[in-house]
Amino acid sequence: MKNIQSYVLAAAVLLLMAHPLSAADSAGSLAFSGSYSLRASGCEANYWNPANLVYPMPYKIEIMLINSSFMLENSIFSIRRYNEINGTYLTDSDKRKIIKDLDKNLSLKTTAAHNIAGISFDNLALSSRVHLFGTGKLSARYIELILLGNEYDEVYHFGNKNNDFKALGYIDLTAGASLYSFQLRDYLIHTGAALSLLGGIAGINVEDYNGSLLANDEGVHLDQKIVVKSGMTGYGFKSLIGLRSDIDENLSLGLALDNLGGFIYWTGQTERRYYTALIDSLYVSKLDEDVLESTETVEEIGSFTTILPAFIRLSALYRLESVNFSLDWKQGFVNSVVTSKTPEISMGTEYYVIPQIPLRMGFSPGLGDNLYSLSYGLGYNIERFEINLGLKTSGSLVPGSYSKGVALALTSKLRI
């Protein structure tokens, strides 16, 4: 008989891999692993660095046709490792290795974005995009209890530190422009700004998570309390300010501050939900009885505000005749559903086989809990049309059985 614990693990893996994860907003940014701040042009500059709009386009209008990306990723299992344990008997050594890989919690970070519309002309750009963010973590103690069971007369505590969930979704309508440049000693500094009106879709946050489990001579005791705060519709605002300077004909440097003044004010279905679960003195002889007491209480709380914390991007781009290199550093100042205090570093390179066909590659070392990733891209650019494809693999050098995640993105633009 197959070990039932392998089915539990399979369910956990499938749950993680059911979430779309996108560290990029387009095929271009995905192909460079996010090293895109000084590369983004047109309406894409509205979300990276609007100072890039200072450069006149060789066409009057650019229209975004398709801009979609999709990614599956989990923090533990590669396809190869999952296949090795699926349907097999797990030894104590196998179980302890899984728990060790989990560290303190099973974490999930999810973001996705899709362009509704985008148009740019001269040094101005208008765009609209759907943004979805999600972060979650589950204490490794839960997995340890499933795999190894509990210690006798030991109290297991579960709190907010390793158990949490946050989700945020909104639509933006953004106008960006680069209208002013100034001289600083020997360097010309270009500036840009993008202002966004936001329509909130949903915001969910676990405010409190507190529970305990004890098994002793008096049976099994479980006490779990969860408080969730949510809003379903709202409105808000955010801004992005960018700077860019071309140090010489080869090197450019950039800085962007995003989410300045960012907030969403929730007005619809604003509520706080209280969930409790209680099991007291459960014995094997009582398994056929209704021993679980659970409650759900809903409290209407009125309107509230979610702050979108600011973050900074520093970037560099070095260009040669047929090849270029870039480096980006993204830094948040608080941990939230949209930012992280762990820096994100990305590097990218692009080589033009011919002027119409660029080959791209990107790398991110994956600091902190993030997986390292390698990405690849291909483009076809002519005067009136552009199409780009991006592919990214996480936890391995190439997509395959050792990958813990694979992403694919497609972007196309029409020029008039």
Protein backbone atom coordinates (compact mmCIF):
# COMPACT_ATOMS: atom_id res chain seq x y z
CA MET A 1 0.00 0.00 0.00
CA LYS A 2 1.32 3.42 -0.90
CA ASN A 3 2.22 5.57 2.03
CA ILE A 4 -0.56 8.10 2.63
CA GLN A 5 2.02 10.72 3.57
CA SER A 6 3.19 10.91 -0.04
CA TYR A 7 -0.31 11.99 -1.05
CA VAL A 8 -0.23 14.77 1.53
CA LEU A 9 3.06 15.98 0.08
CA ALA A 10 1.69 15.76 -3.47
CA ALA A 11 -1.27 17.91 -2.46
CA ALA A 12 1.06 20.50 -0.92
CA VAL A 13 3.19 20.64 -4.09
CA LEU A 14 0.16 20.96 -6.37
CA LEU A 15 -1.25 23.70 -4.15
CA LEU A 16 1.93 25.71 -4.52
CA MET A 17 2.25 25.09 -8.23
CA ALA A 18 -1.35 26.15 -8.85
CA HIS A 19 -0.39 29.77 -8.25
CA PRO A 20 0.83 31.93 -11.13
CA LEU A 21 4.06 33.69 -10.28
CA SER A 22 5.54 36.41 -12.41
CA ALA A 23 8.63 38.35 -11.44
CA ALA A 24 8.27 40.33 -14.64
CA ASP A 25 5.69 42.46 -16.42
CA SER A 26 6.66 41.63 -20.01
CA ALA A 27 8.67 39.23 -22.14
CA GLY A 28 11.50 41.75 -22.17
CA SER A 29 11.79 42.12 -18.41
CA LEU A 30 11.40 38.36 -17.93
CA ALA A 31 14.19 37.63 -20.43
CA PHE A 32 16.54 39.85 -18.39
CA SER A 33 15.38 38.43 -15.02
CA GLY A 34 14.08 41.89 -14.12
CA SER A 35 17.14 43.90 -15.17
CA TYR A 36 14.94 46.22 -17.20
CA SER A 37 14.85 49.68 -15.59
CA LEU A 38 16.96 51.38 -18.27
CA ARG A 39 15.66 49.17 -21.09
CA ALA A 40 11.91 49.81 -20.77
CA SER A 41 10.53 52.18 -23.41
CA GLY A 42 7.13 53.50 -24.40
CA CYS A 43 4.26 52.60 -22.08
CA GLU A 44 6.47 50.04 -20.29
CA ALA A 45 8.57 52.93 -18.95
CA ASN A 46 5.52 53.94 -16.86
CA TYR A 47 6.25 50.98 -14.56
CA TRP A 48 10.07 50.99 -14.55
CA ASN A 49 11.56 54.45 -15.11
CA PRO A 50 9.56 57.21 -16.86
CA ALA A 51 12.78 59.18 -17.44
CA ASN A 52 13.33 56.77 -20.36
CA LEU A 53 10.51 58.62 -22.16
CA VAL A 54 12.91 61.52 -22.79
CA TYR A 55 14.14 59.80 -25.94
CA PRO A 56 11.89 60.50 -28.96
CA MET A 57 10.64 57.38 -30.67
CA PRO A 58 11.23 56.92 -34.42
CA TYR A 59 7.44 56.60 -34.80
CA LYS A 60 4.42 58.61 -33.69
CA ILE A 61 2.39 56.07 -31.73
CA GLU A 62 3.18 52.72 -30.12
CA ILE A 63 0.31 50.45 -29.09
CA MET A 64 0.71 47.44 -26.78
CA LEU A 65 -1.08 44.48 -28.36
CA ILE A 66 -0.26 41.48 -26.15
CA ASN A 67 1.59 41.45 -22.86
CA SER A 68 1.04 38.27 -20.86
CA SER A 69 3.25 36.19 -18.59
CA PHE A 70 2.74 33.04 -16.58
CA MET A 71 4.93 31.17 -14.12
CA LEU A 72 4.72 28.12 -11.86
CA GLU A 73 7.14 27.85 -8.95
CA ASN A 74 7.48 26.16 -5.58
CA SER A 75 10.16 26.61 -2.96
CA ILE A 76 11.06 22.96 -2.31
CA PHE A 77 10.44 20.37 -4.99
CA SER A 78 11.91 20.00 -8.44
CA ILE A 79 10.02 17.79 -10.86
CA ARG A 80 12.71 15.13 -10.42
CA ARG A 81 12.50 15.14 -6.64
CA TYR A 82 8.71 15.06 -6.60
CA ASN A 83 8.73 12.03 -8.92
CA GLU A 84 11.23 10.29 -6.63
CA ILE A 85 8.99 10.50 -3.57
CA ASN A 86 5.56 10.28 -5.17
CA GLY A 87 3.95 6.94 -4.35
CA THR A 88 6.94 5.63 -2.39
CA TYR A 89 7.45 4.86 1.29
CA LEU A 90 9.23 7.74 2.97
CA THR A 91 11.95 6.78 5.43
CA ASP A 92 12.66 8.89 8.51
CA SER A 93 15.72 10.21 6.67
CA ASP A 94 13.55 11.31 3.71
CA LYS A 95 11.09 13.04 6.02
CA ARG A 96 13.77 14.89 7.99
CA LYS A 97 15.39 16.12 4.75
CA ILE A 98 12.06 17.54 3.58
CA ILE A 99 11.58 19.30 6.94
CA LYS A 100 15.15 20.65 6.80
CA ASP A 101 14.51 22.08 3.32
CA LEU A 102 11.41 23.82 4.65
CA ASP A 103 13.52 25.66 7.24
CA LYS A 104 11.00 27.56 9.42
CA ASN A 105 8.05 27.69 7.04
CA LEU A 106 6.65 26.75 3.66
CA SER A 107 6.57 30.08 1.81
CA LEU A 108 4.83 31.32 -1.32
CA LYS A 109 5.26 34.63 -3.11
CA THR A 110 2.98 35.37 -6.04
CA THR A 111 2.71 38.34 -8.40
CA ALA A 112 1.13 38.69 -11.82
CA ALA A 113 0.44 41.56 -14.20
CA HIS A 114 -1.38 41.90 -17.49
CA ASN A 115 -1.69 44.98 -19.70
CA ILE A 116 -5.22 46.07 -20.54
CA ALA A 117 -4.03 48.85 -22.84
CA GLY A 118 -0.97 50.95 -23.56
CA ILE A 119 -0.10 53.78 -25.91
CA SER A 120 2.89 56.12 -26.14
CA PHE A 121 3.72 59.13 -28.29
CA ASP A 122 6.69 61.49 -28.19
CA ASN A 123 7.76 61.69 -24.52
CA LEU A 124 4.33 60.79 -23.09
CA ALA A 125 2.73 57.42 -22.32
CA LEU A 126 -0.70 56.21 -21.17
CA SER A 127 -1.30 52.70 -19.90
CA SER A 128 -3.57 50.47 -17.85
CA ARG A 129 -2.61 47.22 -16.16
CA VAL A 130 -4.02 44.63 -13.75
CA HIS A 131 -1.75 43.82 -10.79
CA LEU A 132 -2.10 40.80 -8.48
CA PHE A 133 0.14 40.17 -5.46
CA GLY A 134 0.14 37.43 -2.87
CA THR A 135 2.44 36.23 -0.09
CA GLY A 136 1.86 33.31 2.22
CA LYS A 137 3.70 31.03 4.58
CA LEU A 138 2.83 27.96 6.63
CA SER A 139 4.83 26.80 9.63
CA ALA A 140 7.11 23.83 8.99
CA ARG A 141 5.76 22.45 12.29
CA TYR A 142 2.55 21.45 10.48
CA ILE A 143 4.49 19.39 7.93
CA GLU A 144 6.65 17.96 10.72
CA LEU A 145 3.53 16.79 12.58
CA ILE A 146 2.19 15.14 9.41
CA LEU A 147 5.46 13.38 8.61
CA LEU A 148 6.91 12.53 12.03
CA GLY A 149 4.00 12.88 14.44
CA ASN A 150 4.06 14.76 17.72
CA GLU A 151 6.19 14.41 20.81
CA TYR A 152 4.34 13.25 23.93
CA ASP A 153 3.27 16.03 26.32
CA GLU A 154 4.90 18.75 24.19
CA VAL A 155 2.98 21.92 23.39
CA TYR A 156 3.22 23.07 19.77
CA HIS A 157 2.59 26.78 19.24
CA PHE A 158 1.58 28.35 15.92
CA GLY A 159 1.74 32.14 15.53
CA ASN A 160 1.99 34.98 13.01
CA LYS A 161 5.75 34.70 12.63
CA ASN A 162 5.62 31.58 10.44
CA ASN A 163 1.94 31.55 9.45
CA ASP A 164 0.63 34.39 7.35
CA PHE A 165 -1.26 35.28 4.18
CA LYS A 166 -1.69 38.58 2.33
CA ALA A 167 -3.26 39.26 -1.06
CA LEU A 168 -3.78 42.45 -3.04
CA GLY A 169 -5.27 43.18 -6.45
CA TYR A 170 -5.82 46.46 -8.28
CA ILE A 171 -6.12 48.07 -11.72
CA ASP A 172 -4.18 51.21 -12.60
CA LEU A 173 -4.67 54.01 -15.10
CA THR A 174 -1.25 55.60 -15.50
CA ALA A 175 0.08 58.69 -17.28
CA GLY A 176 3.85 59.08 -17.60
CA ALA A 177 6.07 61.79 -19.04
CA SER A 178 9.64 63.04 -19.20
CA LEU A 179 9.40 66.82 -19.48
CA TYR A 180 12.44 68.23 -17.70
CA SER A 181 16.23 67.75 -17.81
CA PHE A 182 18.94 69.63 -15.92
CA GLN A 183 22.71 69.88 -15.90
CA LEU A 184 24.66 68.59 -12.88
CA ARG A 185 28.33 69.43 -13.40
CA ASP A 186 29.34 67.50 -16.53
CA TYR A 187 26.24 65.32 -16.69
CA LEU A 188 22.77 65.90 -18.11
CA ILE A 189 20.11 64.42 -15.79
CA HIS A 190 16.77 63.45 -17.31
CA THR A 191 13.72 63.23 -15.07
CA GLY A 192 10.39 61.50 -15.45
CA ALA A 193 7.22 60.90 -13.48
CA ALA A 194 4.25 58.55 -13.71
CA LEU A 195 0.99 59.14 -11.82
CA SER A 196 -1.46 56.28 -11.33
CA LEU A 197 -5.12 56.23 -10.35
CA LEU A 198 -5.89 52.86 -8.76
CA GLY A 199 -9.06 50.81 -8.63
CA GLY A 200 -8.92 48.27 -5.83
CA ILE A 201 -10.08 44.73 -6.65
CA ALA A 202 -9.47 43.00 -3.33
CA GLY A 203 -7.25 43.21 -0.26
CA ILE A 204 -6.89 40.40 2.30
CA ASN A 205 -4.63 40.32 5.35
CA VAL A 206 -4.29 37.84 8.24
CA GLU A 207 -4.11 40.15 11.27
CA ASP A 208 -3.75 37.47 13.94
CA TYR A 209 -2.85 33.78 13.90
CA ASN A 210 -2.56 32.00 17.23
CA GLY A 211 -2.87 28.31 18.00
CA SER A 212 -1.55 25.43 20.07
CA LEU A 213 -1.59 21.62 20.02
CA LEU A 214 -0.94 19.25 22.93
CA ALA A 215 -1.17 15.46 23.20
CA ASN A 216 -0.81 13.71 26.58
CA ASP A 217 -2.62 11.29 28.88
CA GLU A 218 -5.68 13.54 28.81
CA GLY A 219 -6.00 13.21 25.01
CA VAL A 220 -5.41 15.66 22.16
CA HIS A 221 -6.08 19.37 22.69
CA LEU A 222 -6.24 21.89 19.83
CA ASP A 223 -6.97 25.61 20.14
CA GLN A 224 -6.75 27.72 16.97
CA LYS A 225 -7.74 31.37 16.36
CA ILE A 226 -7.40 33.30 13.09
CA VAL A 227 -8.43 36.91 12.36
CA VAL A 228 -8.70 38.04 8.72
CA LYS A 229 -9.28 41.62 7.55
CA SER A 230 -10.52 42.23 3.98
CA GLY A 231 -11.98 44.74 1.53
CA MET A 232 -13.32 44.05 -1.94
CA THR A 233 -13.54 47.37 -3.80
CA GLY A 234 -11.78 50.70 -3.38
CA TYR A 235 -9.74 53.45 -4.96
CA GLY A 236 -6.26 54.88 -4.54
CA PHE A 237 -3.19 56.53 -5.96
CA LYS A 238 0.53 56.03 -6.39
CA SER A 239 3.42 57.74 -8.18
CA LEU A 240 6.79 56.84 -9.68
CA ILE A 241 9.70 59.25 -10.08
CA GLY A 242 12.70 58.37 -12.22
CA LEU A 243 16.13 59.81 -13.01
CA ARG A 244 18.49 58.84 -15.80
CA SER A 245 21.85 60.08 -17.01
CA ASP A 246 24.01 58.99 -19.93
CA ILE A 247 27.49 59.20 -18.45
CA ASP A 248 29.08 58.70 -21.87
CA GLU A 249 28.10 57.11 -25.18
CA ASN A 250 28.31 53.64 -23.60
CA LEU A 251 27.22 53.91 -19.94
CA SER A 252 23.86 54.99 -18.49
CA LEU A 253 22.82 55.11 -14.83
CA GLY A 254 19.31 55.29 -13.42
CA LEU A 255 17.32 55.65 -10.21
CA ALA A 256 13.60 55.16 -9.69
CA LEU A 257 11.40 55.59 -6.59
CA ASP A 258 8.10 53.73 -6.87
CA ASN A 259 4.87 53.66 -4.83
CA LEU A 260 5.44 57.20 -3.58
CA GLY A 261 2.28 58.26 -1.74
CA GLY A 262 0.78 54.89 -2.63
CA PHE A 263 -2.46 53.76 -0.98
CA ILE A 264 -5.78 52.04 -1.62
CA TYR A 265 -8.86 53.13 0.33
CA TRP A 266 -11.24 50.18 0.67
CA THR A 267 -14.95 51.02 0.68
CA GLY A 268 -16.78 47.82 -0.28
CA GLN A 269 -17.36 44.65 1.79
CA THR A 270 -14.91 45.81 4.45
CA GLU A 271 -14.99 43.27 7.24
CA ARG A 272 -13.03 41.38 9.82
CA ARG A 273 -13.61 37.62 10.17
CA TYR A 274 -12.82 35.63 13.30
CA TYR A 275 -12.25 31.88 12.94
CA THR A 276 -11.83 29.55 15.90
CA ALA A 277 -11.35 25.79 16.20
CA LEU A 278 -11.28 23.84 19.47
CA ILE A 279 -10.68 20.18 20.28
CA ASP A 280 -10.60 19.25 23.95
CA SER A 281 -9.60 15.84 25.35
CA LEU A 282 -9.86 13.82 22.12
CA TYR A 283 -9.31 10.06 22.60
CA VAL A 284 -9.28 7.27 20.04
CA SER A 285 -12.56 6.03 21.54
CA LYS A 286 -14.20 9.37 20.60
CA LEU A 287 -13.16 9.49 16.95
CA ASP A 288 -16.71 8.68 15.84
CA GLU A 289 -18.10 11.67 17.76
CA ASP A 290 -18.30 15.33 16.76
CA VAL A 291 -15.30 16.57 18.72
CA LEU A 292 -14.35 19.68 16.73
CA GLU A 293 -15.97 22.94 17.79
CA SER A 294 -15.55 25.70 15.20
CA THR A 295 -16.99 29.18 14.79
CA GLU A 296 -16.89 31.97 12.20
CA THR A 297 -17.84 35.51 13.19
CA VAL A 298 -18.09 38.40 10.72
CA GLU A 299 -17.72 42.03 11.84
CA GLU A 300 -18.37 44.97 9.52
CA ILE A 301 -15.57 47.45 10.13
CA GLY A 302 -16.12 50.35 7.74
CA SER A 303 -13.63 51.80 5.28
CA PHE A 304 -9.88 51.39 5.81
CA THR A 305 -6.62 52.12 3.98
CA THR A 306 -3.87 49.84 2.71
CA ILE A 307 -0.51 51.60 2.31
CA LEU A 308 1.64 50.63 -0.67
CA PRO A 309 5.20 50.91 0.72
CA ALA A 310 7.80 52.69 -1.40
CA PHE A 311 10.81 50.96 -2.91
CA ILE A 312 13.87 52.01 -4.90
CA ARG A 313 15.53 50.72 -8.07
CA LEU A 314 19.18 51.45 -8.96
CA SER A 315 20.30 50.48 -12.45
CA ALA A 316 23.18 50.58 -14.89
CA LEU A 317 23.33 49.83 -18.62
CA TYR A 318 26.53 49.47 -20.65
CA ARG A 319 26.24 49.37 -24.46
CA LEU A 320 28.63 48.27 -27.17
CA GLU A 321 27.97 48.04 -30.90
CA SER A 322 26.08 44.73 -30.96
CA VAL A 323 25.93 43.71 -27.29
CA ASN A 324 24.90 45.34 -24.01
CA PHE A 325 24.92 44.53 -20.28
CA SER A 326 22.76 45.72 -17.40
CA LEU A 327 22.56 45.48 -13.61
CA ASP A 328 19.53 46.32 -11.42
CA TRP A 329 19.11 46.49 -7.64
CA LYS A 330 15.59 46.63 -6.19
CA GLN A 331 15.24 47.43 -2.48
CA GLY A 332 12.15 47.65 -0.31
CA PHE A 333 12.19 49.21 3.15
CA VAL A 334 9.50 47.08 4.82
CA ASN A 335 8.18 43.56 4.29
CA SER A 336 4.73 43.70 2.74
CA VAL A 337 2.67 42.06 0.04
CA VAL A 338 4.37 44.30 -2.58
CA THR A 339 7.85 44.89 -1.11
CA SER A 340 10.65 43.04 0.66
CA LYS A 341 13.59 44.18 2.74
CA THR A 342 15.62 41.43 1.05
CA PRO A 343 17.24 43.05 -2.01
CA GLU A 344 16.55 41.71 -5.49
CA ILE A 345 19.57 41.76 -7.80
CA SER A 346 19.30 41.03 -11.51
CA MET A 347 21.72 41.06 -14.43
CA GLY A 348 21.03 40.97 -18.15
CA THR A 349 22.77 40.88 -21.50
CA GLU A 350 21.58 41.28 -25.07
CA TYR A 351 23.27 40.38 -28.36
CA TYR A 352 22.01 41.38 -31.80
CA VAL A 353 22.50 38.61 -34.34
CA ILE A 354 21.18 41.08 -36.90
CA PRO A 355 19.56 44.45 -36.13
CA GLN A 356 16.09 42.87 -36.17
CA ILE A 357 16.80 39.84 -33.95
CA PRO A 358 18.13 40.27 -30.38
CA LEU A 359 19.12 37.31 -28.20
CA ARG A 360 18.75 37.90 -24.45
CA MET A 361 19.84 36.32 -21.19
CA GLY A 362 19.35 37.25 -17.54
CA PHE A 363 20.39 35.99 -14.11
CA SER A 364 19.23 36.62 -10.55
CA PRO A 365 21.19 35.09 -7.62
CA GLY A 366 18.07 34.73 -5.46
CA LEU A 367 19.04 36.29 -2.14
CA GLY A 368 17.28 35.29 1.07
CA ASP A 369 14.39 32.89 0.52
CA ASN A 370 14.26 33.57 -3.22
CA LEU A 371 15.39 30.93 -5.72
CA TYR A 372 18.16 31.75 -8.15
CA SER A 373 16.95 31.99 -11.74
CA LEU A 374 18.28 32.05 -15.28
CA SER A 375 16.27 33.47 -18.16
CA TYR A 376 16.41 33.53 -21.93
CA GLY A 377 14.71 35.65 -24.58
CA LEU A 378 14.31 36.21 -28.29
CA GLY A 379 12.86 39.14 -30.21
CA TYR A 380 11.91 40.14 -33.72
CA ASN A 381 11.75 43.90 -34.27
CA ILE A 382 10.90 45.71 -37.48
CA GLU A 383 9.80 49.29 -38.12
CA ARG A 384 6.07 48.83 -37.47
CA PHE A 385 5.92 45.68 -35.36
CA GLU A 386 7.74 44.02 -32.47
CA ILE A 387 7.28 40.64 -30.80
CA ASN A 388 9.30 39.23 -27.88
CA LEU A 389 9.40 35.90 -26.09
CA GLY A 390 10.86 35.30 -22.62
CA LEU A 391 11.58 32.05 -20.78
CA LYS A 392 12.77 31.73 -17.18
CA THR A 393 13.77 28.74 -15.06
CA SER A 394 14.11 28.79 -11.26
CA GLY A 395 16.48 26.62 -9.25
CA SER A 396 18.25 25.25 -12.34
CA LEU A 397 20.28 26.46 -15.30
CA VAL A 398 17.90 25.16 -17.97
CA PRO A 399 14.21 24.18 -17.89
CA GLY A 400 13.93 20.50 -17.04
CA SER A 401 13.47 17.95 -14.31
CA TYR A 402 15.65 19.90 -11.87
CA SER A 403 13.58 23.10 -12.24
CA LYS A 404 11.50 24.31 -9.32
CA GLY A 405 9.69 26.74 -11.57
CA VAL A 406 9.33 27.77 -15.20
CA ALA A 407 7.96 31.06 -16.61
CA LEU A 408 6.89 32.06 -20.10
CA ALA A 409 6.00 35.53 -21.38
CA LEU A 410 4.89 36.97 -24.73
CA THR A 411 4.78 40.67 -25.67
CA SER A 412 3.91 42.32 -28.97
CA LYS A 413 3.62 45.97 -30.03
CA LEU A 414 2.30 47.84 -33.08
CA ARG A 415 3.73 51.17 -34.24
CA ILE A 416 1.98 53.77 -36.33
